[in-house]
Amino acid sequence: MIVRAVFALSLLAGLLLLQPAAPVLADNYPSKPIKMVVPFPPGGPTDGLARIISDRLGAVLGQSVIIENHGGGAGGSVGAKVVASAEPDGYTILITPGGSLTTGPAVHTKIGYDPAKAFTPVALLMTAPMIMTVHPSLPVKTFPELVAYAKANPGKITAGSQGYGTGPHLQLEMMKLDYHLNILHVPYRGSAPAITALLAGEIQLFTDSSTTILPHINSGKARPIAVLTKKRIKPLPDVPTTAEQGYPKLQNDFWLGVVAPGGTPPAIIKKLNAALRDALTAPQTRTQLANYGADVAIDTPEEFGKMLAKELALWTDVAKAAHLQME
């Protein structure tokens, strides 16, 4: 009995000592460099924007924020798995568009993680307009002309995407469903190789963020036929929206957000959110993002979580309708 009592008291003392650990951890956070995982190869919009954000975030937190690229998987799921399996201590975070959190899981039912449980939302960071482009050799200049050409030439248009299960892939599938189009989808590992294929004429249709595709539009190597926004955008005032051209359903911005491993203490999430807000409101950061055609859209962890749930439901319905779901 005495031994049991001593053991119980020792256990209780240990538990009491452990209780303040989480607040202390949050108070001292960060005490070492933070790894920011980009789930795509270098050269794409996520990578370029992540480097701008990480530099400023590091200055705000007083610690280095190191970019680590992990390309591959459905919508960037390889990099997402790295973060999902990391310690929930705030030192490994994921900066990503919807691919690894919404469209990828919608397509791959056994992607290797449940996005609602594997990650804790930190913040939506920014948005940028998506632009539908074609190779100049394709004889279309508007969205209706694209639809008409695709119907008259079934299977002859090849459309690229940043990968199987990415946002632009699901957007393409939704368009194919709504207009009963036969367009061949070719997935690439990120924007950079897909753009290379577009410029070479290996694919004829490609939708990408303004952050990456605008230079090629300005050079005349890619022809814009629609912007997937509610209003026309300043860099392309003469290019109508999909809604103006009769397809209001297709309105999707490129967005970038940050999540941490599931179970990360709320105090650390709050601290990260505040630091990101500080980093993104700096005039120099806004200017750098604007040069990419991006707008700051910082929100709370709760708001970001609701947005993720809504998008996951939308793209899961599209994936089911297009028979894209894979195990």
C-alpha atoms as a PDB file:
ATOM      1  CA  MET A   1       0.000   0.000   0.000  1.00  0.00           C
ATOM      2  CA  ILE A   2       2.828   2.401   0.889  1.00  0.00           C
ATOM      3  CA  VAL A   3       4.558   1.703  -2.413  1.00  0.00           C
ATOM      4  CA  ARG A   4       1.304   2.285  -4.321  1.00  0.00           C
ATOM      5  CA  ALA A   5       0.691   5.546  -2.452  1.00  0.00           C
ATOM      6  CA  VAL A   6       4.203   6.798  -3.174  1.00  0.00           C
ATOM      7  CA  PHE A   7       3.794   5.874  -6.839  1.00  0.00           C
ATOM      8  CA  ALA A   8       0.431   7.667  -7.050  1.00  0.00           C
ATOM      9  CA  LEU A   9       1.839  10.799  -5.427  1.00  0.00           C
ATOM     10  CA  SER A  10       4.818  10.741  -7.782  1.00  0.00           C
ATOM     11  CA  LEU A  11       2.515  10.382 -10.788  1.00  0.00           C
ATOM     12  CA  LEU A  12       0.305  13.238  -9.589  1.00  0.00           C
ATOM     13  CA  ALA A  13       3.334  15.447  -9.046  1.00  0.00           C
ATOM     14  CA  GLY A  14       4.546  14.665 -12.551  1.00  0.00           C
ATOM     15  CA  LEU A  15       1.182  15.548 -14.046  1.00  0.00           C
ATOM     16  CA  LEU A  16       1.071  18.815 -12.156  1.00  0.00           C
ATOM     17  CA  LEU A  17       4.516  19.681 -13.443  1.00  0.00           C
ATOM     18  CA  LEU A  18       3.431  18.934 -16.991  1.00  0.00           C
ATOM     19  CA  GLN A  19       0.291  21.092 -16.874  1.00  0.00           C
ATOM     20  CA  PRO A  20       1.939  24.462 -17.585  1.00  0.00           C
ATOM     21  CA  ALA A  21       4.034  23.003 -20.429  1.00  0.00           C
ATOM     22  CA  ALA A  22       1.726  24.145 -23.258  1.00  0.00           C
ATOM     23  CA  PRO A  23       1.536  27.818 -22.175  1.00  0.00           C
ATOM     24  CA  VAL A  24       5.292  27.899 -21.581  1.00  0.00           C
ATOM     25  CA  LEU A  25       5.870  26.377 -25.024  1.00  0.00           C
ATOM     26  CA  ALA A  26       3.671  29.034 -26.600  1.00  0.00           C
ATOM     27  CA  ASP A  27       5.373  31.829 -24.651  1.00  0.00           C
ATOM     28  CA  ASN A  28       8.809  30.732 -25.883  1.00  0.00           C
ATOM     29  CA  TYR A  29       7.677  30.027 -29.435  1.00  0.00           C
ATOM     30  CA  PRO A  30       9.539  30.174 -31.695  1.00  0.00           C
ATOM     31  CA  SER A  31      12.905  29.339 -30.173  1.00  0.00           C
ATOM     32  CA  LYS A  32      14.365  27.749 -33.325  1.00  0.00           C
ATOM     33  CA  PRO A  33      13.927  27.954 -37.119  1.00  0.00           C
ATOM     34  CA  ILE A  34      10.542  27.056 -38.632  1.00  0.00           C
ATOM     35  CA  LYS A  35      10.232  24.766 -41.639  1.00  0.00           C
ATOM     36  CA  MET A  36       7.652  25.924 -44.193  1.00  0.00           C
ATOM     37  CA  VAL A  37       6.790  23.071 -46.557  1.00  0.00           C
ATOM     38  CA  VAL A  38       5.814  23.926 -50.140  1.00  0.00           C
ATOM     39  CA  PRO A  39       4.098  20.885 -51.719  1.00  0.00           C
ATOM     40  CA  PHE A  40       5.303  21.726 -55.240  1.00  0.00           C
ATOM     41  CA  PRO A  41       8.654  22.020 -57.027  1.00  0.00           C
ATOM     42  CA  PRO A  42      10.509  25.356 -57.148  1.00  0.00           C
ATOM     43  CA  GLY A  43       9.404  27.809 -59.826  1.00  0.00           C
ATOM     44  CA  GLY A  44       5.622  27.711 -59.420  1.00  0.00           C
ATOM     45  CA  PRO A  45       3.321  30.354 -57.915  1.00  0.00           C
ATOM     46  CA  THR A  46       3.198  28.687 -54.493  1.00  0.00           C
ATOM     47  CA  ASP A  47       6.974  28.556 -54.249  1.00  0.00           C
ATOM     48  CA  GLY A  48       7.506  32.163 -55.358  1.00  0.00           C
ATOM     49  CA  LEU A  49       4.897  33.582 -53.011  1.00  0.00           C
ATOM     50  CA  ALA A  50       6.036  31.369 -50.137  1.00  0.00           C
ATOM     51  CA  ARG A  51       9.534  32.833 -50.346  1.00  0.00           C
ATOM     52  CA  ILE A  52       8.196  36.383 -50.112  1.00  0.00           C
ATOM     53  CA  ILE A  53       5.986  35.488 -47.148  1.00  0.00           C
ATOM     54  CA  SER A  54       8.624  33.397 -45.357  1.00  0.00           C
ATOM     55  CA  ASP A  55      11.198  36.201 -45.444  1.00  0.00           C
ATOM     56  CA  ARG A  56       8.833  38.668 -43.807  1.00  0.00           C
ATOM     57  CA  LEU A  57       7.426  36.089 -41.373  1.00  0.00           C
ATOM     58  CA  GLY A  58      10.940  35.265 -40.215  1.00  0.00           C
ATOM     59  CA  ALA A  59      11.609  38.944 -39.536  1.00  0.00           C
ATOM     60  CA  VAL A  60       8.395  39.247 -37.505  1.00  0.00           C
ATOM     61  CA  LEU A  61       9.051  36.109 -35.424  1.00  0.00           C
ATOM     62  CA  GLY A  62      12.785  36.647 -35.027  1.00  0.00           C
ATOM     63  CA  GLN A  63      13.601  33.199 -36.406  1.00  0.00           C
ATOM     64  CA  SER A  64      14.519  31.865 -39.813  1.00  0.00           C
ATOM     65  CA  VAL A  65      11.672  30.374 -41.848  1.00  0.00           C
ATOM     66  CA  ILE A  66      13.158  27.761 -44.156  1.00  0.00           C
ATOM     67  CA  ILE A  67      11.388  26.727 -47.364  1.00  0.00           C
ATOM     68  CA  GLU A  68      11.366  22.995 -48.095  1.00  0.00           C
ATOM     69  CA  ASN A  69       9.931  21.806 -51.421  1.00  0.00           C
ATOM     70  CA  HIS A  70       8.191  18.422 -51.725  1.00  0.00           C
ATOM     71  CA  GLY A  71       6.625  17.965 -55.164  1.00  0.00           C
ATOM     72  CA  GLY A  72       4.334  15.130 -56.181  1.00  0.00           C
ATOM     73  CA  GLY A  73       1.159  13.383 -55.141  1.00  0.00           C
ATOM     74  CA  ALA A  74      -2.453  14.361 -55.615  1.00  0.00           C
ATOM     75  CA  GLY A  75      -2.575  18.145 -55.445  1.00  0.00           C
ATOM     76  CA  GLY A  76       0.678  18.220 -53.505  1.00  0.00           C
ATOM     77  CA  SER A  77      -0.147  15.426 -51.074  1.00  0.00           C
ATOM     78  CA  VAL A  78       3.495  14.323 -50.678  1.00  0.00           C
ATOM     79  CA  GLY A  79       4.395  17.594 -48.992  1.00  0.00           C
ATOM     80  CA  ALA A  80       1.144  17.572 -47.036  1.00  0.00           C
ATOM     81  CA  LYS A  81       1.978  14.148 -45.590  1.00  0.00           C
ATOM     82  CA  VAL A  82       5.321  15.491 -44.357  1.00  0.00           C
ATOM     83  CA  VAL A  83       3.478  18.112 -42.314  1.00  0.00           C
ATOM     84  CA  ALA A  84       0.657  15.793 -41.243  1.00  0.00           C
ATOM     85  CA  SER A  85       3.213  13.436 -39.655  1.00  0.00           C
ATOM     86  CA  ALA A  86       5.314  16.200 -38.068  1.00  0.00           C
ATOM     87  CA  GLU A  87       5.327  17.084 -34.383  1.00  0.00           C
ATOM     88  CA  PRO A  88       2.433  19.486 -33.601  1.00  0.00           C
ATOM     89  CA  ASP A  89       4.749  22.086 -32.120  1.00  0.00           C
ATOM     90  CA  GLY A  90       4.536  24.865 -34.714  1.00  0.00           C
ATOM     91  CA  TYR A  91       7.975  24.216 -36.201  1.00  0.00           C
ATOM     92  CA  THR A  92       6.692  22.500 -39.354  1.00  0.00           C
ATOM     93  CA  ILE A  93       3.908  24.224 -41.284  1.00  0.00           C
ATOM     94  CA  LEU A  94       2.381  23.820 -44.742  1.00  0.00           C
ATOM     95  CA  ILE A  95       1.821  26.685 -47.170  1.00  0.00           C
ATOM     96  CA  THR A  96      -0.471  25.495 -49.913  1.00  0.00           C
ATOM     97  CA  PRO A  97      -3.304  26.198 -52.330  1.00  0.00           C
ATOM     98  CA  GLY A  98      -6.376  23.966 -52.199  1.00  0.00           C
ATOM     99  CA  GLY A  99      -4.818  20.953 -53.882  1.00  0.00           C
ATOM    100  CA  SER A 100      -3.530  19.123 -50.831  1.00  0.00           C
ATOM    101  CA  LEU A 101      -6.428  20.158 -48.570  1.00  0.00           C
ATOM    102  CA  THR A 102      -9.553  20.062 -50.750  1.00  0.00           C
ATOM    103  CA  THR A 103      -9.287  18.915 -54.386  1.00  0.00           C
ATOM    104  CA  GLY A 104      -6.648  16.235 -53.780  1.00  0.00           C
ATOM    105  CA  PRO A 105      -8.582  14.511 -50.979  1.00  0.00           C
ATOM    106  CA  ALA A 106     -11.770  14.871 -53.068  1.00  0.00           C
ATOM    107  CA  VAL A 107     -10.180  12.790 -55.831  1.00  0.00           C
ATOM    108  CA  HIS A 108      -8.077  10.362 -53.792  1.00  0.00           C
ATOM    109  CA  THR A 109     -10.216   8.779 -51.093  1.00  0.00           C
ATOM    110  CA  LYS A 110      -7.104   7.083 -49.647  1.00  0.00           C
ATOM    111  CA  ILE A 111      -4.737  10.000 -49.931  1.00  0.00           C
ATOM    112  CA  GLY A 112      -3.069   9.035 -46.671  1.00  0.00           C
ATOM    113  CA  TYR A 113      -4.620  11.603 -44.337  1.00  0.00           C
ATOM    114  CA  ASP A 114      -7.955  13.130 -43.392  1.00  0.00           C
ATOM    115  CA  PRO A 115      -7.496  16.873 -44.079  1.00  0.00           C
ATOM    116  CA  ALA A 116     -10.054  17.790 -41.412  1.00  0.00           C
ATOM    117  CA  LYS A 117      -8.104  15.902 -38.734  1.00  0.00           C
ATOM    118  CA  ALA A 118      -4.512  15.921 -39.964  1.00  0.00           C
ATOM    119  CA  PHE A 119      -4.233  19.710 -40.041  1.00  0.00           C
ATOM    120  CA  THR A 120      -5.134  22.731 -37.957  1.00  0.00           C
ATOM    121  CA  PRO A 121      -6.015  25.841 -40.019  1.00  0.00           C
ATOM    122  CA  VAL A 122      -3.781  28.846 -39.355  1.00  0.00           C
ATOM    123  CA  ALA A 123      -4.830  31.434 -41.947  1.00  0.00           C
ATOM    124  CA  LEU A 124      -5.841  32.168 -45.497  1.00  0.00           C
ATOM    125  CA  LEU A 125      -3.064  34.451 -46.748  1.00  0.00           C
ATOM    126  CA  MET A 126      -3.795  35.773 -50.214  1.00  0.00           C
ATOM    127  CA  THR A 127      -5.761  35.326 -53.401  1.00  0.00           C
ATOM    128  CA  ALA A 128      -4.952  35.875 -57.061  1.00  0.00           C
ATOM    129  CA  PRO A 129      -7.114  35.681 -60.180  1.00  0.00           C
ATOM    130  CA  MET A 130      -7.110  32.527 -62.272  1.00  0.00           C
ATOM    131  CA  ILE A 131      -6.742  33.062 -66.017  1.00  0.00           C
ATOM    132  CA  MET A 132      -7.762  30.590 -68.726  1.00  0.00           C
ATOM    133  CA  THR A 133      -5.257  30.644 -71.570  1.00  0.00           C
ATOM    134  CA  VAL A 134      -4.701  28.863 -74.858  1.00  0.00           C
ATOM    135  CA  HIS A 135      -1.726  28.364 -77.125  1.00  0.00           C
ATOM    136  CA  PRO A 136      -1.835  30.975 -79.942  1.00  0.00           C
ATOM    137  CA  SER A 137      -2.154  28.169 -82.502  1.00  0.00           C
ATOM    138  CA  LEU A 138      -5.618  27.287 -81.192  1.00  0.00           C
ATOM    139  CA  PRO A 139      -8.166  29.284 -83.253  1.00  0.00           C
ATOM    140  CA  VAL A 140     -10.215  30.591 -80.313  1.00  0.00           C
ATOM    141  CA  LYS A 141     -10.240  33.968 -78.593  1.00  0.00           C
ATOM    142  CA  THR A 142     -13.197  33.641 -76.194  1.00  0.00           C
ATOM    143  CA  PHE A 143     -14.668  31.031 -73.878  1.00  0.00           C
ATOM    144  CA  PRO A 144     -17.718  30.373 -76.119  1.00  0.00           C
ATOM    145  CA  GLU A 145     -15.352  29.877 -79.053  1.00  0.00           C
ATOM    146  CA  LEU A 146     -13.393  27.353 -76.993  1.00  0.00           C
ATOM    147  CA  VAL A 147     -16.551  25.413 -76.183  1.00  0.00           C
ATOM    148  CA  ALA A 148     -17.674  25.459 -79.814  1.00  0.00           C
ATOM    149  CA  TYR A 149     -14.265  24.330 -81.068  1.00  0.00           C
ATOM    150  CA  ALA A 150     -14.054  21.547 -78.483  1.00  0.00           C
ATOM    151  CA  LYS A 151     -17.496  20.245 -79.482  1.00  0.00           C
ATOM    152  CA  ALA A 152     -16.592  20.352 -83.176  1.00  0.00           C
ATOM    153  CA  ASN A 153     -13.247  18.668 -82.520  1.00  0.00           C
ATOM    154  CA  PRO A 154     -13.796  16.099 -79.757  1.00  0.00           C
ATOM    155  CA  GLY A 155     -10.590  14.799 -78.218  1.00  0.00           C
ATOM    156  CA  LYS A 156      -8.351  17.206 -80.154  1.00  0.00           C
ATOM    157  CA  ILE A 157      -7.784  19.760 -77.387  1.00  0.00           C
ATOM    158  CA  THR A 158      -5.204  18.838 -74.776  1.00  0.00           C
ATOM    159  CA  ALA A 159      -5.468  20.657 -71.456  1.00  0.00           C
ATOM    160  CA  GLY A 160      -2.676  20.711 -68.913  1.00  0.00           C
ATOM    161  CA  SER A 161      -2.904  21.126 -65.160  1.00  0.00           C
ATOM    162  CA  GLN A 162      -0.549  21.495 -62.223  1.00  0.00           C
ATOM    163  CA  GLY A 163      -1.267  17.888 -61.279  1.00  0.00           C
ATOM    164  CA  TYR A 164      -3.987  15.307 -60.904  1.00  0.00           C
ATOM    165  CA  GLY A 165      -6.297  16.484 -58.161  1.00  0.00           C
ATOM    166  CA  THR A 166      -5.309  20.170 -58.249  1.00  0.00           C
ATOM    167  CA  GLY A 167      -7.844  22.991 -58.417  1.00  0.00           C
ATOM    168  CA  PRO A 168      -7.419  23.683 -62.155  1.00  0.00           C
ATOM    169  CA  HIS A 169      -7.847  19.960 -62.877  1.00  0.00           C
ATOM    170  CA  LEU A 170     -11.186  19.853 -61.036  1.00  0.00           C
ATOM    171  CA  GLN A 171     -12.226  23.134 -62.671  1.00  0.00           C
ATOM    172  CA  LEU A 172     -11.534  21.555 -66.065  1.00  0.00           C
ATOM    173  CA  GLU A 173     -13.575  18.479 -65.137  1.00  0.00           C
ATOM    174  CA  MET A 174     -16.482  20.648 -63.993  1.00  0.00           C
ATOM    175  CA  MET A 175     -16.389  22.507 -67.313  1.00  0.00           C
ATOM    176  CA  LYS A 176     -16.291  19.219 -69.248  1.00  0.00           C
ATOM    177  CA  LEU A 177     -19.301  17.942 -67.307  1.00  0.00           C
ATOM    178  CA  ASP A 178     -21.378  21.078 -67.770  1.00  0.00           C
ATOM    179  CA  TYR A 179     -20.715  21.381 -71.514  1.00  0.00           C
ATOM    180  CA  HIS A 180     -20.300  17.672 -72.342  1.00  0.00           C
ATOM    181  CA  LEU A 181     -16.817  18.254 -73.742  1.00  0.00           C
ATOM    182  CA  ASN A 182     -14.206  15.700 -74.756  1.00  0.00           C
ATOM    183  CA  ILE A 183     -10.913  17.343 -73.754  1.00  0.00           C
ATOM    184  CA  LEU A 184      -7.801  15.347 -72.894  1.00  0.00           C
ATOM    185  CA  HIS A 185      -6.309  16.148 -69.486  1.00  0.00           C
ATOM    186  CA  VAL A 186      -2.534  15.970 -69.028  1.00  0.00           C
ATOM    187  CA  PRO A 187      -1.290  16.443 -65.437  1.00  0.00           C
ATOM    188  CA  TYR A 188       2.138  17.943 -64.728  1.00  0.00           C
ATOM    189  CA  ARG A 189       4.105  18.320 -61.526  1.00  0.00           C
ATOM    190  CA  GLY A 190       3.402  21.969 -60.897  1.00  0.00           C
ATOM    191  CA  SER A 191       2.900  25.128 -62.944  1.00  0.00           C
ATOM    192  CA  ALA A 192       6.427  25.450 -64.315  1.00  0.00           C
ATOM    193  CA  PRO A 193       6.453  22.236 -66.416  1.00  0.00           C
ATOM    194  CA  ALA A 194       2.847  22.813 -67.514  1.00  0.00           C
ATOM    195  CA  ILE A 195       3.669  26.322 -68.735  1.00  0.00           C
ATOM    196  CA  THR A 196       6.706  24.962 -70.576  1.00  0.00           C
ATOM    197  CA  ALA A 197       4.395  22.502 -72.329  1.00  0.00           C
ATOM    198  CA  LEU A 198       1.906  25.281 -73.190  1.00  0.00           C
ATOM    199  CA  LEU A 199       4.585  27.526 -74.676  1.00  0.00           C
ATOM    200  CA  ALA A 200       5.903  24.602 -76.718  1.00  0.00           C
ATOM    201  CA  GLY A 201       2.437  23.812 -78.053  1.00  0.00           C
ATOM    202  CA  GLU A 202       2.368  20.374 -76.416  1.00  0.00           C
ATOM    203  CA  ILE A 203      -0.893  21.383 -74.728  1.00  0.00           C
ATOM    204  CA  GLN A 204      -3.433  23.884 -76.037  1.00  0.00           C
ATOM    205  CA  LEU A 205      -5.361  24.862 -72.902  1.00  0.00           C
ATOM    206  CA  PHE A 206      -4.093  25.822 -69.460  1.00  0.00           C
ATOM    207  CA  THR A 207      -5.603  27.695 -66.508  1.00  0.00           C
ATOM    208  CA  ASP A 208      -3.230  29.217 -64.004  1.00  0.00           C
ATOM    209  CA  SER A 209      -2.808  31.988 -61.483  1.00  0.00           C
ATOM    210  CA  SER A 210      -1.940  35.497 -62.626  1.00  0.00           C
ATOM    211  CA  THR A 211       1.113  35.213 -60.402  1.00  0.00           C
ATOM    212  CA  THR A 212       2.709  32.853 -62.929  1.00  0.00           C
ATOM    213  CA  ILE A 213       0.970  33.133 -66.280  1.00  0.00           C
ATOM    214  CA  LEU A 214       0.833  36.928 -66.750  1.00  0.00           C
ATOM    215  CA  PRO A 215       4.420  37.319 -68.055  1.00  0.00           C
ATOM    216  CA  HIS A 216       3.683  34.798 -70.805  1.00  0.00           C
ATOM    217  CA  ILE A 217       0.435  36.541 -71.674  1.00  0.00           C
ATOM    218  CA  ASN A 218       2.245  39.873 -71.873  1.00  0.00           C
ATOM    219  CA  SER A 219       4.860  38.358 -74.176  1.00  0.00           C
ATOM    220  CA  GLY A 220       2.150  37.032 -76.491  1.00  0.00           C
ATOM    221  CA  LYS A 221       3.145  33.405 -75.991  1.00  0.00           C
ATOM    222  CA  ALA A 222      -0.141  32.555 -74.248  1.00  0.00           C
ATOM    223  CA  ARG A 223      -3.551  33.937 -75.207  1.00  0.00           C
ATOM    224  CA  PRO A 224      -6.029  34.746 -72.397  1.00  0.00           C
ATOM    225  CA  ILE A 225      -9.652  33.898 -73.161  1.00  0.00           C
ATOM    226  CA  ALA A 226     -11.284  34.394 -69.737  1.00  0.00           C
ATOM    227  CA  VAL A 227     -10.624  35.338 -66.129  1.00  0.00           C
ATOM    228  CA  LEU A 228     -12.274  33.194 -63.451  1.00  0.00           C
ATOM    229  CA  THR A 229     -13.237  36.150 -61.264  1.00  0.00           C
ATOM    230  CA  LYS A 230     -16.343  38.184 -60.476  1.00  0.00           C
ATOM    231  CA  LYS A 231     -14.880  41.292 -62.092  1.00  0.00           C
ATOM    232  CA  ARG A 232     -12.319  41.968 -64.783  1.00  0.00           C
ATOM    233  CA  ILE A 233      -8.778  42.443 -63.554  1.00  0.00           C
ATOM    234  CA  LYS A 234      -6.580  45.521 -64.003  1.00  0.00           C
ATOM    235  CA  PRO A 235      -3.700  43.784 -65.826  1.00  0.00           C
ATOM    236  CA  LEU A 236      -6.145  42.438 -68.460  1.00  0.00           C
ATOM    237  CA  PRO A 237      -9.023  44.944 -68.713  1.00  0.00           C
ATOM    238  CA  ASP A 238     -10.096  43.662 -72.142  1.00  0.00           C
ATOM    239  CA  VAL A 239     -10.402  40.014 -71.105  1.00  0.00           C
ATOM    240  CA  PRO A 240     -13.964  39.224 -69.966  1.00  0.00           C
ATOM    241  CA  THR A 241     -14.852  37.042 -66.996  1.00  0.00           C
ATOM    242  CA  THR A 242     -16.329  33.562 -67.365  1.00  0.00           C
ATOM    243  CA  ALA A 243     -19.603  34.979 -66.005  1.00  0.00           C
ATOM    244  CA  GLU A 244     -19.703  37.642 -68.722  1.00  0.00           C
ATOM    245  CA  GLN A 245     -19.230  34.869 -71.270  1.00  0.00           C
ATOM    246  CA  GLY A 246     -22.106  32.770 -69.974  1.00  0.00           C
ATOM    247  CA  TYR A 247     -20.402  30.533 -67.432  1.00  0.00           C
ATOM    248  CA  PRO A 248     -20.912  32.101 -63.960  1.00  0.00           C
ATOM    249  CA  LYS A 249     -20.379  28.763 -62.208  1.00  0.00           C
ATOM    250  CA  LEU A 250     -16.653  28.823 -62.899  1.00  0.00           C
ATOM    251  CA  GLN A 251     -15.390  31.471 -60.485  1.00  0.00           C
ATOM    252  CA  ASN A 252     -12.382  30.341 -58.531  1.00  0.00           C
ATOM    253  CA  ASP A 253      -9.443  32.366 -57.279  1.00  0.00           C
ATOM    254  CA  PHE A 254      -6.038  30.905 -56.714  1.00  0.00           C
ATOM    255  CA  TRP A 255      -5.528  31.094 -52.972  1.00  0.00           C
ATOM    256  CA  LEU A 256      -2.730  30.341 -50.581  1.00  0.00           C
ATOM    257  CA  GLY A 257      -3.088  29.386 -46.930  1.00  0.00           C
ATOM    258  CA  VAL A 258      -1.140  27.949 -44.026  1.00  0.00           C
ATOM    259  CA  VAL A 259      -1.989  24.952 -41.871  1.00  0.00           C
ATOM    260  CA  ALA A 260      -0.123  23.239 -39.045  1.00  0.00           C
ATOM    261  CA  PRO A 261      -0.217  19.592 -37.950  1.00  0.00           C
ATOM    262  CA  GLY A 262      -3.410  18.557 -36.187  1.00  0.00           C
ATOM    263  CA  GLY A 263      -3.152  18.985 -32.444  1.00  0.00           C
ATOM    264  CA  THR A 264      -0.926  22.063 -32.557  1.00  0.00           C
ATOM    265  CA  PRO A 265      -1.691  24.095 -29.386  1.00  0.00           C
ATOM    266  CA  PRO A 266      -4.211  26.916 -29.946  1.00  0.00           C
ATOM    267  CA  ALA A 267      -1.805  29.445 -28.435  1.00  0.00           C
ATOM    268  CA  ILE A 268       0.790  28.658 -31.108  1.00  0.00           C
ATOM    269  CA  ILE A 269      -1.833  28.820 -33.860  1.00  0.00           C
ATOM    270  CA  LYS A 270      -2.909  32.219 -32.558  1.00  0.00           C
ATOM    271  CA  LYS A 271       0.699  33.419 -32.468  1.00  0.00           C
ATOM    272  CA  LEU A 272       1.351  32.212 -36.008  1.00  0.00           C
ATOM    273  CA  ASN A 273      -1.830  33.845 -37.281  1.00  0.00           C
ATOM    274  CA  ALA A 274      -0.892  37.164 -35.682  1.00  0.00           C
ATOM    275  CA  ALA A 275       2.648  36.976 -37.088  1.00  0.00           C
ATOM    276  CA  LEU A 276       1.366  36.226 -40.587  1.00  0.00           C
ATOM    277  CA  ARG A 277      -1.089  39.110 -40.321  1.00  0.00           C
ATOM    278  CA  ASP A 278       1.784  41.397 -39.329  1.00  0.00           C
ATOM    279  CA  ALA A 279       3.970  40.068 -42.142  1.00  0.00           C
ATOM    280  CA  LEU A 280       1.305  40.536 -44.807  1.00  0.00           C
ATOM    281  CA  THR A 281       0.208  44.015 -43.775  1.00  0.00           C
ATOM    282  CA  ALA A 282       3.716  45.422 -44.212  1.00  0.00           C
ATOM    283  CA  PRO A 283       3.698  47.815 -47.215  1.00  0.00           C
ATOM    284  CA  GLN A 284       6.741  46.160 -48.804  1.00  0.00           C
ATOM    285  CA  THR A 285       5.098  42.733 -48.612  1.00  0.00           C
ATOM    286  CA  ARG A 286       1.869  44.011 -50.159  1.00  0.00           C
ATOM    287  CA  THR A 287       3.874  45.626 -52.963  1.00  0.00           C
ATOM    288  CA  GLN A 288       5.783  42.414 -53.655  1.00  0.00           C
ATOM    289  CA  LEU A 289       2.572  40.378 -53.737  1.00  0.00           C
ATOM    290  CA  ALA A 290       0.872  42.960 -55.945  1.00  0.00           C
ATOM    291  CA  ASN A 291       3.711  42.569 -58.439  1.00  0.00           C
ATOM    292  CA  TYR A 292       2.569  38.956 -58.713  1.00  0.00           C
ATOM    293  CA  GLY A 293      -1.056  40.029 -59.149  1.00  0.00           C
ATOM    294  CA  ALA A 294      -1.934  38.792 -55.652  1.00  0.00           C
ATOM    295  CA  ASP A 295      -4.082  40.450 -52.977  1.00  0.00           C
ATOM    296  CA  VAL A 296      -3.692  39.979 -49.224  1.00  0.00           C
ATOM    297  CA  ALA A 297      -6.680  38.130 -47.749  1.00  0.00           C
ATOM    298  CA  ILE A 298      -5.619  37.286 -44.186  1.00  0.00           C
ATOM    299  CA  ASP A 299      -8.366  35.820 -42.018  1.00  0.00           C
ATOM    300  CA  THR A 300      -8.809  33.947 -38.739  1.00  0.00           C
ATOM    301  CA  PRO A 301      -8.154  30.214 -38.250  1.00  0.00           C
ATOM    302  CA  GLU A 302     -11.886  29.680 -37.774  1.00  0.00           C
ATOM    303  CA  GLU A 303     -12.828  31.464 -41.010  1.00  0.00           C
ATOM    304  CA  PHE A 304     -10.181  29.563 -42.934  1.00  0.00           C
ATOM    305  CA  GLY A 305     -11.458  26.270 -41.513  1.00  0.00           C
ATOM    306  CA  LYS A 306     -15.003  27.012 -42.727  1.00  0.00           C
ATOM    307  CA  MET A 307     -13.694  27.860 -46.193  1.00  0.00           C
ATOM    308  CA  LEU A 308     -11.749  24.582 -46.387  1.00  0.00           C
ATOM    309  CA  ALA A 309     -14.810  22.547 -45.395  1.00  0.00           C
ATOM    310  CA  LYS A 310     -16.951  24.287 -48.033  1.00  0.00           C
ATOM    311  CA  GLU A 311     -14.423  23.723 -50.821  1.00  0.00           C
ATOM    312  CA  LEU A 312     -13.848  20.096 -49.854  1.00  0.00           C
ATOM    313  CA  ALA A 313     -17.590  19.448 -50.148  1.00  0.00           C
ATOM    314  CA  LEU A 314     -17.800  21.207 -53.540  1.00  0.00           C
ATOM    315  CA  TRP A 315     -14.899  19.373 -55.153  1.00  0.00           C
ATOM    316  CA  THR A 316     -15.910  16.024 -53.678  1.00  0.00           C
ATOM    317  CA  ASP A 317     -19.244  16.382 -55.508  1.00  0.00           C
ATOM    318  CA  VAL A 318     -17.435  17.256 -58.767  1.00  0.00           C
ATOM    319  CA  ALA A 319     -15.027  14.332 -58.402  1.00  0.00           C
ATOM    320  CA  LYS A 320     -17.927  11.915 -57.847  1.00  0.00           C
ATOM    321  CA  ALA A 321     -19.875  13.257 -60.823  1.00  0.00           C
ATOM    322  CA  ALA A 322     -16.819  12.992 -63.092  1.00  0.00           C
ATOM    323  CA  HIS A 323     -15.961   9.513 -61.743  1.00  0.00           C
ATOM    324  CA  LEU A 324     -12.521  10.703 -60.743  1.00  0.00           C
ATOM    325  CA  GLN A 325     -12.350   9.261 -57.257  1.00  0.00           C
ATOM    326  CA  MET A 326      -9.498   6.816 -56.792  1.00  0.00           C
ATOM    327  CA  GLU A 327      -8.463   4.602 -53.905  1.00  0.00           C
END
